[in-house]
ModelCIF file with pLDDT and N, C-alpha, C, O atoms, coordinates in Angstrom:
data_MODEL
#
_entry.id   MODEL 
#
_entity.id                         1 
_entity.type                       polymer 
_entity.pdbx_number_of_molecules   1 
#
_entity_poly.entity_id                      1 
_entity_poly.type                           'polypeptide(L)' 
_entity_poly.nstd_linkage                   no 
_entity_poly.nstd_monomer                   no 
_entity_poly.pdbx_seq_one_letter_code       QNLWPVVRTWHSRVDKFNLVNSYGLFRRMTGVGGRPELVVEGSNSL 
_entity_poly.pdbx_seq_one_letter_code_can   QNLWPVVRTWHSRVDKFNLVNSYGLFRRMTGVGGRPELVVEGSNSL 
_entity_poly.pdbx_strand_id                 A 
#
loop_
_entity_poly_seq.entity_id 
_entity_poly_seq.num 
_entity_poly_seq.mon_id 
_entity_poly_seq.hetero 
1 1  GLN n 
1 2  ASN n 
1 3  LEU n 
1 4  TRP n 
1 5  PRO n 
1 6  VAL n 
1 7  VAL n 
1 8  ARG n 
1 9  THR n 
1 10 TRP n 
1 11 HIS n 
1 12 SER n 
1 13 ARG n 
1 14 VAL n 
1 15 ASP n 
1 16 LYS n 
1 17 PHE n 
1 18 ASN n 
1 19 LEU n 
1 20 VAL n 
1 21 ASN n 
1 22 SER n 
1 23 TYR n 
1 24 GLY n 
1 25 LEU n 
1 26 PHE n 
1 27 ARG n 
1 28 ARG n 
1 29 MET n 
1 30 THR n 
1 31 GLY n 
1 32 VAL n 
1 33 GLY n 
1 34 GLY n 
1 35 ARG n 
1 36 PRO n 
1 37 GLU n 
1 38 LEU n 
1 39 VAL n 
1 40 VAL n 
1 41 GLU n 
1 42 GLY n 
1 43 SER n 
1 44 ASN n 
1 45 SER n 
1 46 LEU n 
#
_struct_asym.id          A 
_struct_asym.entity_id   1 
#
loop_
_ma_qa_metric.id 
_ma_qa_metric.mode 
_ma_qa_metric.name 
_ma_qa_metric.software_group_id 
_ma_qa_metric.type 
1 global pLDDT . pLDDT 
2 local  pLDDT . pLDDT 
#
_ma_qa_metric_global.metric_id      1 
_ma_qa_metric_global.metric_value   90.33 
_ma_qa_metric_global.model_id       1 
_ma_qa_metric_global.ordinal_id     1 
#
loop_
_ma_qa_metric_local.label_asym_id 
_ma_qa_metric_local.label_comp_id 
_ma_qa_metric_local.label_seq_id 
_ma_qa_metric_local.metric_id 
_ma_qa_metric_local.metric_value 
_ma_qa_metric_local.model_id 
_ma_qa_metric_local.ordinal_id 
A GLN 1  2 88.00 1 1  
A ASN 2  2 89.00 1 2  
A LEU 3  2 90.00 1 3  
A TRP 4  2 90.00 1 4  
A PRO 5  2 91.00 1 5  
A VAL 6  2 93.00 1 6  
A VAL 7  2 93.00 1 7  
A ARG 8  2 91.00 1 8  
A THR 9  2 93.00 1 9  
A TRP 10 2 93.00 1 10 
A HIS 11 2 93.00 1 11 
A SER 12 2 93.00 1 12 
A ARG 13 2 93.00 1 13 
A VAL 14 2 93.00 1 14 
A ASP 15 2 91.00 1 15 
A LYS 16 2 91.00 1 16 
A PHE 17 2 92.00 1 17 
A ASN 18 2 90.00 1 18 
A LEU 19 2 92.00 1 19 
A VAL 20 2 92.00 1 20 
A ASN 21 2 89.00 1 21 
A SER 22 2 86.00 1 22 
A TYR 23 2 83.00 1 23 
A GLY 24 2 80.00 1 24 
A LEU 25 2 78.00 1 25 
A PHE 26 2 80.00 1 26 
A ARG 27 2 83.00 1 27 
A ARG 28 2 86.00 1 28 
A MET 29 2 89.00 1 29 
A THR 30 2 88.00 1 30 
A GLY 31 2 86.00 1 31 
A VAL 32 2 87.00 1 32 
A GLY 33 2 86.00 1 33 
A GLY 34 2 89.00 1 34 
A ARG 35 2 93.00 1 35 
A PRO 36 2 94.00 1 36 
A GLU 37 2 95.00 1 37 
A LEU 38 2 96.00 1 38 
A VAL 39 2 96.00 1 39 
A VAL 40 2 96.00 1 40 
A GLU 41 2 96.00 1 41 
A GLY 42 2 96.00 1 42 
A SER 43 2 95.00 1 43 
A ASN 44 2 94.00 1 44 
A SER 45 2 92.00 1 45 
A LEU 46 2 91.00 1 46 
#
loop_
_atom_site.group_PDB 
_atom_site.id 
_atom_site.type_symbol 
_atom_site.label_atom_id 
_atom_site.label_alt_id 
_atom_site.label_comp_id 
_atom_site.label_asym_id 
_atom_site.label_entity_id 
_atom_site.label_seq_id 
_atom_site.pdbx_PDB_ins_code 
_atom_site.Cartn_x 
_atom_site.Cartn_y 
_atom_site.Cartn_z 
_atom_site.occupancy 
_atom_site.B_iso_or_equiv 
_atom_site.pdbx_formal_charge 
_atom_site.auth_seq_id 
_atom_site.auth_comp_id 
_atom_site.auth_asym_id 
_atom_site.auth_atom_id 
_atom_site.pdbx_PDB_model_num 
ATOM 1   N N  . GLN A 1 1  ? -214.039 103.884 138.854 1.00 88.00 ? 1  GLN A N  1 
ATOM 2   C CA . GLN A 1 1  ? -215.373 103.340 138.625 1.00 88.00 ? 1  GLN A CA 1 
ATOM 3   C C  . GLN A 1 1  ? -215.917 103.700 137.247 1.00 88.00 ? 1  GLN A C  1 
ATOM 4   O O  . GLN A 1 1  ? -216.788 103.007 136.723 1.00 88.00 ? 1  GLN A O  1 
ATOM 5   N N  . ASN A 1 2  ? -215.410 104.779 136.660 1.00 89.00 ? 2  ASN A N  1 
ATOM 6   C CA . ASN A 1 2  ? -215.874 105.197 135.339 1.00 89.00 ? 2  ASN A CA 1 
ATOM 7   C C  . ASN A 1 2  ? -215.248 104.405 134.200 1.00 89.00 ? 2  ASN A C  1 
ATOM 8   O O  . ASN A 1 2  ? -215.659 104.549 133.049 1.00 89.00 ? 2  ASN A O  1 
ATOM 9   N N  . LEU A 1 3  ? -214.264 103.576 134.503 1.00 90.00 ? 3  LEU A N  1 
ATOM 10  C CA . LEU A 1 3  ? -213.649 102.751 133.464 1.00 90.00 ? 3  LEU A CA 1 
ATOM 11  C C  . LEU A 1 3  ? -214.625 101.674 133.001 1.00 90.00 ? 3  LEU A C  1 
ATOM 12  O O  . LEU A 1 3  ? -215.530 101.277 133.735 1.00 90.00 ? 3  LEU A O  1 
ATOM 13  N N  . TRP A 1 4  ? -214.426 101.215 131.785 1.00 90.00 ? 4  TRP A N  1 
ATOM 14  C CA . TRP A 1 4  ? -215.302 100.166 131.262 1.00 90.00 ? 4  TRP A CA 1 
ATOM 15  C C  . TRP A 1 4  ? -215.236 98.926  132.146 1.00 90.00 ? 4  TRP A C  1 
ATOM 16  O O  . TRP A 1 4  ? -214.153 98.557  132.599 1.00 90.00 ? 4  TRP A O  1 
ATOM 17  N N  . PRO A 1 5  ? -216.362 98.279  132.400 1.00 91.00 ? 5  PRO A N  1 
ATOM 18  C CA . PRO A 1 5  ? -216.367 97.044  133.211 1.00 91.00 ? 5  PRO A CA 1 
ATOM 19  C C  . PRO A 1 5  ? -215.463 95.954  132.648 1.00 91.00 ? 5  PRO A C  1 
ATOM 20  O O  . PRO A 1 5  ? -214.868 95.184  133.403 1.00 91.00 ? 5  PRO A O  1 
ATOM 21  N N  . VAL A 1 6  ? -215.358 95.888  131.307 1.00 93.00 ? 6  VAL A N  1 
ATOM 22  C CA . VAL A 1 6  ? -214.526 94.844  130.706 1.00 93.00 ? 6  VAL A CA 1 
ATOM 23  C C  . VAL A 1 6  ? -213.056 95.039  131.077 1.00 93.00 ? 6  VAL A C  1 
ATOM 24  O O  . VAL A 1 6  ? -212.316 94.063  131.200 1.00 93.00 ? 6  VAL A O  1 
ATOM 25  N N  . VAL A 1 7  ? -212.625 96.298  131.258 1.00 93.00 ? 7  VAL A N  1 
ATOM 26  C CA . VAL A 1 7  ? -211.240 96.576  131.656 1.00 93.00 ? 7  VAL A CA 1 
ATOM 27  C C  . VAL A 1 7  ? -210.978 96.050  133.058 1.00 93.00 ? 7  VAL A C  1 
ATOM 28  O O  . VAL A 1 7  ? -209.930 95.460  133.318 1.00 93.00 ? 7  VAL A O  1 
ATOM 29  N N  . ARG A 1 8  ? -211.932 96.264  133.963 1.00 91.00 ? 8  ARG A N  1 
ATOM 30  C CA . ARG A 1 8  ? -211.786 95.743  135.324 1.00 91.00 ? 8  ARG A CA 1 
ATOM 31  C C  . ARG A 1 8  ? -211.784 94.219  135.326 1.00 91.00 ? 8  ARG A C  1 
ATOM 32  O O  . ARG A 1 8  ? -211.086 93.599  136.128 1.00 91.00 ? 8  ARG A O  1 
ATOM 33  N N  . THR A 1 9  ? -212.561 93.614  134.433 1.00 93.00 ? 9  THR A N  1 
ATOM 34  C CA . THR A 1 9  ? -212.586 92.146  134.323 1.00 93.00 ? 9  THR A CA 1 
ATOM 35  C C  . THR A 1 9  ? -211.245 91.623  133.843 1.00 93.00 ? 9  THR A C  1 
ATOM 36  O O  . THR A 1 9  ? -210.709 90.664  134.399 1.00 93.00 ? 9  THR A O  1 
ATOM 37  N N  . TRP A 1 10 ? -210.698 92.257  132.800 1.00 93.00 ? 10 TRP A N  1 
ATOM 38  C CA . TRP A 1 10 ? -209.381 91.848  132.297 1.00 93.00 ? 10 TRP A CA 1 
ATOM 39  C C  . TRP A 1 10 ? -208.331 91.928  133.404 1.00 93.00 ? 10 TRP A C  1 
ATOM 40  O O  . TRP A 1 10 ? -207.531 91.012  133.593 1.00 93.00 ? 10 TRP A O  1 
ATOM 41  N N  . HIS A 1 11 ? -208.355 93.041  134.126 1.00 93.00 ? 11 HIS A N  1 
ATOM 42  C CA . HIS A 1 11 ? -207.344 93.238  135.161 1.00 93.00 ? 11 HIS A CA 1 
ATOM 43  C C  . HIS A 1 11 ? -207.473 92.195  136.269 1.00 93.00 ? 11 HIS A C  1 
ATOM 44  O O  . HIS A 1 11 ? -206.465 91.670  136.742 1.00 93.00 ? 11 HIS A O  1 
ATOM 45  N N  . SER A 1 12 ? -208.689 91.893  136.683 1.00 93.00 ? 12 SER A N  1 
ATOM 46  C CA . SER A 1 12 ? -208.881 90.925  137.768 1.00 93.00 ? 12 SER A CA 1 
ATOM 47  C C  . SER A 1 12 ? -208.399 89.536  137.378 1.00 93.00 ? 12 SER A C  1 
ATOM 48  O O  . SER A 1 12 ? -207.943 88.775  138.231 1.00 93.00 ? 12 SER A O  1 
ATOM 49  N N  . ARG A 1 13 ? -208.496 89.198  136.089 1.00 93.00 ? 13 ARG A N  1 
ATOM 50  C CA . ARG A 1 13 ? -208.082 87.868  135.638 1.00 93.00 ? 13 ARG A CA 1 
ATOM 51  C C  . ARG A 1 13 ? -206.565 87.709  135.596 1.00 93.00 ? 13 ARG A C  1 
ATOM 52  O O  . ARG A 1 13 ? -206.059 86.597  135.746 1.00 93.00 ? 13 ARG A O  1 
ATOM 53  N N  . VAL A 1 14 ? -205.842 88.793  135.396 1.00 93.00 ? 14 VAL A N  1 
ATOM 54  C CA . VAL A 1 14 ? -204.376 88.692  135.275 1.00 93.00 ? 14 VAL A CA 1 
ATOM 55  C C  . VAL A 1 14 ? -203.653 89.385  136.419 1.00 93.00 ? 14 VAL A C  1 
ATOM 56  O O  . VAL A 1 14 ? -202.431 89.529  136.384 1.00 93.00 ? 14 VAL A O  1 
ATOM 57  N N  . ASP A 1 15 ? -204.397 89.814  137.433 1.00 91.00 ? 15 ASP A N  1 
ATOM 58  C CA . ASP A 1 15 ? -203.793 90.568  138.526 1.00 91.00 ? 15 ASP A CA 1 
ATOM 59  C C  . ASP A 1 15 ? -202.698 89.783  139.233 1.00 91.00 ? 15 ASP A C  1 
ATOM 60  O O  . ASP A 1 15 ? -201.703 90.363  139.670 1.00 91.00 ? 15 ASP A O  1 
ATOM 61  N N  . LYS A 1 16 ? -202.871 88.459  139.351 1.00 91.00 ? 16 LYS A N  1 
ATOM 62  C CA . LYS A 1 16 ? -201.899 87.636  140.062 1.00 91.00 ? 16 LYS A CA 1 
ATOM 63  C C  . LYS A 1 16 ? -200.538 87.585  139.371 1.00 91.00 ? 16 LYS A C  1 
ATOM 64  O O  . LYS A 1 16 ? -199.543 87.214  139.994 1.00 91.00 ? 16 LYS A O  1 
ATOM 65  N N  . PHE A 1 17 ? -200.484 87.954  138.092 1.00 92.00 ? 17 PHE A N  1 
ATOM 66  C CA . PHE A 1 17 ? -199.215 87.922  137.359 1.00 92.00 ? 17 PHE A CA 1 
ATOM 67  C C  . PHE A 1 17 ? -198.423 89.224  137.502 1.00 92.00 ? 17 PHE A C  1 
ATOM 68  O O  . PHE A 1 17 ? -197.291 89.310  137.026 1.00 92.00 ? 17 PHE A O  1 
ATOM 69  N N  . ASN A 1 18 ? -199.005 90.236  138.152 1.00 90.00 ? 18 ASN A N  1 
ATOM 70  C CA . ASN A 1 18 ? -198.314 91.514  138.382 1.00 90.00 ? 18 ASN A CA 1 
ATOM 71  C C  . ASN A 1 18 ? -197.795 92.146  137.091 1.00 90.00 ? 18 ASN A C  1 
ATOM 72  O O  . ASN A 1 18 ? -196.678 92.662  137.045 1.00 90.00 ? 18 ASN A O  1 
ATOM 73  N N  . LEU A 1 19 ? -198.623 92.099  136.042 1.00 92.00 ? 19 LEU A N  1 
ATOM 74  C CA . LEU A 1 19 ? -198.223 92.716  134.774 1.00 92.00 ? 19 LEU A CA 1 
ATOM 75  C C  . LEU A 1 19 ? -198.197 94.232  134.879 1.00 92.00 ? 19 LEU A C  1 
ATOM 76  O O  . LEU A 1 19 ? -197.343 94.885  134.278 1.00 92.00 ? 19 LEU A O  1 
ATOM 77  N N  . VAL A 1 20 ? -199.127 94.792  135.638 1.00 92.00 ? 20 VAL A N  1 
ATOM 78  C CA . VAL A 1 20 ? -199.178 96.240  135.863 1.00 92.00 ? 20 VAL A CA 1 
ATOM 79  C C  . VAL A 1 20 ? -199.383 96.476  137.347 1.00 92.00 ? 20 VAL A C  1 
ATOM 80  O O  . VAL A 1 20 ? -199.969 95.642  138.037 1.00 92.00 ? 20 VAL A O  1 
ATOM 81  N N  . ASN A 1 21 ? -198.908 97.598  137.835 1.00 89.00 ? 21 ASN A N  1 
ATOM 82  C CA . ASN A 1 21 ? -198.967 97.880  139.265 1.00 89.00 ? 21 ASN A CA 1 
ATOM 83  C C  . ASN A 1 21 ? -199.174 99.365  139.507 1.00 89.00 ? 21 ASN A C  1 
ATOM 84  O O  . ASN A 1 21 ? -198.850 100.203 138.666 1.00 89.00 ? 21 ASN A O  1 
ATOM 85  N N  . SER A 1 22 ? -199.722 99.669  140.674 1.00 86.00 ? 22 SER A N  1 
ATOM 86  C CA . SER A 1 22 ? -199.758 101.061 141.109 1.00 86.00 ? 22 SER A CA 1 
ATOM 87  C C  . SER A 1 22 ? -198.358 101.441 141.579 1.00 86.00 ? 22 SER A C  1 
ATOM 88  O O  . SER A 1 22 ? -197.518 100.576 141.829 1.00 86.00 ? 22 SER A O  1 
ATOM 89  N N  . TYR A 1 23 ? -198.121 102.743 141.694 1.00 83.00 ? 23 TYR A N  1 
ATOM 90  C CA . TYR A 1 23 ? -196.774 103.182 142.036 1.00 83.00 ? 23 TYR A CA 1 
ATOM 91  C C  . TYR A 1 23 ? -196.845 104.396 142.940 1.00 83.00 ? 23 TYR A C  1 
ATOM 92  O O  . TYR A 1 23 ? -197.660 105.294 142.729 1.00 83.00 ? 23 TYR A O  1 
ATOM 93  N N  . GLY A 1 24 ? -195.991 104.416 143.941 1.00 80.00 ? 24 GLY A N  1 
ATOM 94  C CA . GLY A 1 24 ? -195.953 105.577 144.818 1.00 80.00 ? 24 GLY A CA 1 
ATOM 95  C C  . GLY A 1 24 ? -194.796 105.481 145.781 1.00 80.00 ? 24 GLY A C  1 
ATOM 96  O O  . GLY A 1 24 ? -194.928 104.928 146.873 1.00 80.00 ? 24 GLY A O  1 
ATOM 97  N N  . LEU A 1 25 ? -193.658 106.020 145.376 1.00 78.00 ? 25 LEU A N  1 
ATOM 98  C CA . LEU A 1 25 ? -192.447 105.924 146.185 1.00 78.00 ? 25 LEU A CA 1 
ATOM 99  C C  . LEU A 1 25 ? -192.473 106.927 147.325 1.00 78.00 ? 25 LEU A C  1 
ATOM 100 O O  . LEU A 1 25 ? -192.818 108.092 147.129 1.00 78.00 ? 25 LEU A O  1 
ATOM 101 N N  . PHE A 1 26 ? -192.100 106.461 148.547 1.00 80.00 ? 26 PHE A N  1 
ATOM 102 C CA . PHE A 1 26 ? -192.052 107.314 149.736 1.00 80.00 ? 26 PHE A CA 1 
ATOM 103 C C  . PHE A 1 26 ? -193.376 108.052 149.939 1.00 80.00 ? 26 PHE A C  1 
ATOM 104 O O  . PHE A 1 26 ? -193.426 109.278 150.041 1.00 80.00 ? 26 PHE A O  1 
ATOM 105 N N  . ARG A 1 27 ? -194.441 107.258 149.991 1.00 83.00 ? 27 ARG A N  1 
ATOM 106 C CA . ARG A 1 27 ? -195.775 107.807 150.218 1.00 83.00 ? 27 ARG A CA 1 
ATOM 107 C C  . ARG A 1 27 ? -195.825 108.564 151.550 1.00 83.00 ? 27 ARG A C  1 
ATOM 108 O O  . ARG A 1 27 ? -196.360 109.669 151.634 1.00 83.00 ? 27 ARG A O  1 
ATOM 109 N N  . ARG A 1 28 ? -195.260 107.946 152.575 1.00 86.00 ? 28 ARG A N  1 
ATOM 110 C CA . ARG A 1 28 ? -195.161 108.591 153.891 1.00 86.00 ? 28 ARG A CA 1 
ATOM 111 C C  . ARG A 1 28 ? -193.710 108.539 154.342 1.00 86.00 ? 28 ARG A C  1 
ATOM 112 O O  . ARG A 1 28 ? -193.027 107.535 154.139 1.00 86.00 ? 28 ARG A O  1 
ATOM 113 N N  . MET A 1 29 ? -193.246 109.604 154.944 1.00 89.00 ? 29 MET A N  1 
ATOM 114 C CA . MET A 1 29 ? -191.861 109.676 155.389 1.00 89.00 ? 29 MET A CA 1 
ATOM 115 C C  . MET A 1 29 ? -191.712 109.004 156.754 1.00 89.00 ? 29 MET A C  1 
ATOM 116 O O  . MET A 1 29 ? -192.336 109.410 157.734 1.00 89.00 ? 29 MET A O  1 
ATOM 117 N N  . THR A 1 30 ? -190.874 107.972 156.795 1.00 88.00 ? 30 THR A N  1 
ATOM 118 C CA . THR A 1 30 ? -190.606 107.271 158.047 1.00 88.00 ? 30 THR A CA 1 
ATOM 119 C C  . THR A 1 30 ? -189.356 107.862 158.709 1.00 88.00 ? 30 THR A C  1 
ATOM 120 O O  . THR A 1 30 ? -188.612 108.627 158.094 1.00 88.00 ? 30 THR A O  1 
ATOM 121 N N  . GLY A 1 31 ? -189.148 107.494 159.961 1.00 86.00 ? 31 GLY A N  1 
ATOM 122 C CA . GLY A 1 31 ? -187.937 107.909 160.646 1.00 86.00 ? 31 GLY A CA 1 
ATOM 123 C C  . GLY A 1 31 ? -187.997 109.287 161.267 1.00 86.00 ? 31 GLY A C  1 
ATOM 124 O O  . GLY A 1 31 ? -186.958 109.883 161.549 1.00 86.00 ? 31 GLY A O  1 
ATOM 125 N N  . VAL A 1 32 ? -189.213 109.814 161.489 1.00 87.00 ? 32 VAL A N  1 
ATOM 126 C CA . VAL A 1 32 ? -189.323 111.099 162.177 1.00 87.00 ? 32 VAL A CA 1 
ATOM 127 C C  . VAL A 1 32 ? -188.840 110.911 163.623 1.00 87.00 ? 32 VAL A C  1 
ATOM 128 O O  . VAL A 1 32 ? -189.369 110.076 164.356 1.00 87.00 ? 32 VAL A O  1 
ATOM 129 N N  . GLY A 1 33 ? -187.845 111.687 164.019 1.00 86.00 ? 33 GLY A N  1 
ATOM 130 C CA . GLY A 1 33 ? -187.267 111.522 165.350 1.00 86.00 ? 33 GLY A CA 1 
ATOM 131 C C  . GLY A 1 33 ? -186.132 110.517 165.402 1.00 86.00 ? 33 GLY A C  1 
ATOM 132 O O  . GLY A 1 33 ? -185.678 110.153 166.486 1.00 86.00 ? 33 GLY A O  1 
ATOM 133 N N  . GLY A 1 34 ? -185.659 110.055 164.224 1.00 89.00 ? 34 GLY A N  1 
ATOM 134 C CA . GLY A 1 34 ? -184.576 109.079 164.166 1.00 89.00 ? 34 GLY A CA 1 
ATOM 135 C C  . GLY A 1 34 ? -185.002 107.827 163.433 1.00 89.00 ? 34 GLY A C  1 
ATOM 136 O O  . GLY A 1 34 ? -186.142 107.383 163.566 1.00 89.00 ? 34 GLY A O  1 
ATOM 137 N N  . ARG A 1 35 ? -184.086 107.249 162.652 1.00 93.00 ? 35 ARG A N  1 
ATOM 138 C CA . ARG A 1 35 ? -184.412 106.054 161.876 1.00 93.00 ? 35 ARG A CA 1 
ATOM 139 C C  . ARG A 1 35 ? -184.427 104.832 162.789 1.00 93.00 ? 35 ARG A C  1 
ATOM 140 O O  . ARG A 1 35 ? -183.481 104.635 163.551 1.00 93.00 ? 35 ARG A O  1 
ATOM 141 N N  . PRO A 1 36 ? -185.469 104.006 162.737 1.00 94.00 ? 36 PRO A N  1 
ATOM 142 C CA . PRO A 1 36 ? -185.465 102.751 163.489 1.00 94.00 ? 36 PRO A CA 1 
ATOM 143 C C  . PRO A 1 36 ? -184.498 101.768 162.847 1.00 94.00 ? 36 PRO A C  1 
ATOM 144 O O  . PRO A 1 36 ? -184.542 101.562 161.634 1.00 94.00 ? 36 PRO A O  1 
ATOM 145 N N  . GLU A 1 37 ? -183.646 101.172 163.625 1.00 95.00 ? 37 GLU A N  1 
ATOM 146 C CA . GLU A 1 37 ? -182.617 100.264 163.104 1.00 95.00 ? 37 GLU A CA 1 
ATOM 147 C C  . GLU A 1 37 ? -182.485 99.057  164.025 1.00 95.00 ? 37 GLU A C  1 
ATOM 148 O O  . GLU A 1 37 ? -182.447 99.194  165.248 1.00 95.00 ? 37 GLU A O  1 
ATOM 149 N N  . LEU A 1 38 ? -182.415 97.873  163.420 1.00 96.00 ? 38 LEU A N  1 
ATOM 150 C CA . LEU A 1 38 ? -182.290 96.630  164.175 1.00 96.00 ? 38 LEU A CA 1 
ATOM 151 C C  . LEU A 1 38 ? -180.830 96.226  164.314 1.00 96.00 ? 38 LEU A C  1 
ATOM 152 O O  . LEU A 1 38 ? -180.064 96.291  163.353 1.00 96.00 ? 38 LEU A O  1 
ATOM 153 N N  . VAL A 1 39 ? -180.452 95.810  165.516 1.00 96.00 ? 39 VAL A N  1 
ATOM 154 C CA . VAL A 1 39 ? -179.121 95.272  165.792 1.00 96.00 ? 39 VAL A CA 1 
ATOM 155 C C  . VAL A 1 39 ? -179.299 93.857  166.330 1.00 96.00 ? 39 VAL A C  1 
ATOM 156 O O  . VAL A 1 39 ? -179.948 93.649  167.355 1.00 96.00 ? 39 VAL A O  1 
ATOM 157 N N  . VAL A 1 40 ? -178.717 92.891  165.630 1.00 96.00 ? 40 VAL A N  1 
ATOM 158 C CA . VAL A 1 40 ? -178.803 91.478  166.015 1.00 96.00 ? 40 VAL A CA 1 
ATOM 159 C C  . VAL A 1 40 ? -177.539 91.117  166.793 1.00 96.00 ? 40 VAL A C  1 
ATOM 160 O O  . VAL A 1 40 ? -176.428 91.409  166.350 1.00 96.00 ? 40 VAL A O  1 
ATOM 161 N N  . GLU A 1 41 ? -177.711 90.481  167.954 1.00 96.00 ? 41 GLU A N  1 
ATOM 162 C CA . GLU A 1 41 ? -176.580 90.146  168.816 1.00 96.00 ? 41 GLU A CA 1 
ATOM 163 C C  . GLU A 1 41 ? -176.666 88.695  169.265 1.00 96.00 ? 41 GLU A C  1 
ATOM 164 O O  . GLU A 1 41 ? -177.752 88.132  169.406 1.00 96.00 ? 41 GLU A O  1 
ATOM 165 N N  . GLY A 1 42 ? -175.511 88.110  169.482 1.00 96.00 ? 42 GLY A N  1 
ATOM 166 C CA . GLY A 1 42 ? -175.431 86.746  169.972 1.00 96.00 ? 42 GLY A CA 1 
ATOM 167 C C  . GLY A 1 42 ? -174.575 86.664  171.224 1.00 96.00 ? 42 GLY A C  1 
ATOM 168 O O  . GLY A 1 42 ? -173.688 87.490  171.439 1.00 96.00 ? 42 GLY A O  1 
ATOM 169 N N  . SER A 1 43 ? -174.852 85.650  172.054 1.00 95.00 ? 43 SER A N  1 
ATOM 170 C CA . SER A 1 43 ? -174.094 85.467  173.289 1.00 95.00 ? 43 SER A CA 1 
ATOM 171 C C  . SER A 1 43 ? -174.251 84.022  173.762 1.00 95.00 ? 43 SER A C  1 
ATOM 172 O O  . SER A 1 43 ? -175.208 83.333  173.410 1.00 95.00 ? 43 SER A O  1 
ATOM 173 N N  . ASN A 1 44 ? -173.282 83.585  174.571 1.00 94.00 ? 44 ASN A N  1 
ATOM 174 C CA . ASN A 1 44 ? -173.365 82.264  175.192 1.00 94.00 ? 44 ASN A CA 1 
ATOM 175 C C  . ASN A 1 44 ? -173.942 82.340  176.602 1.00 94.00 ? 44 ASN A C  1 
ATOM 176 O O  . ASN A 1 44 ? -174.050 81.334  177.303 1.00 94.00 ? 44 ASN A O  1 
ATOM 177 N N  . SER A 1 45 ? -174.310 83.561  177.002 1.00 92.00 ? 45 SER A N  1 
ATOM 178 C CA . SER A 1 45 ? -174.913 83.760  178.316 1.00 92.00 ? 45 SER A CA 1 
ATOM 179 C C  . SER A 1 45 ? -176.047 84.770  178.193 1.00 92.00 ? 45 SER A C  1 
ATOM 180 O O  . SER A 1 45 ? -175.964 85.723  177.418 1.00 92.00 ? 45 SER A O  1 
ATOM 181 N N  . LEU A 1 46 ? -177.092 84.553  178.956 1.00 91.00 ? 46 LEU A N  1 
ATOM 182 C CA . LEU A 1 46 ? -178.230 85.469  178.907 1.00 91.00 ? 46 LEU A CA 1 
ATOM 183 C C  . LEU A 1 46 ? -177.927 86.804  179.579 1.00 91.00 ? 46 LEU A C  1 
ATOM 184 O O  . LEU A 1 46 ? -178.787 87.684  179.621 1.00 91.00 ? 46 LEU A O  1 
#
């Protein structure tokens, strides 16, 4: 909020182009108690 208003205006006008982004890898650790994993299966019978 302490940034110049013109900076926020510039950013809002070009935000859709993703020129700059926030960053935060592994903000929260997933997979506590085991990693969730999807298995896709096919069959000719239910």
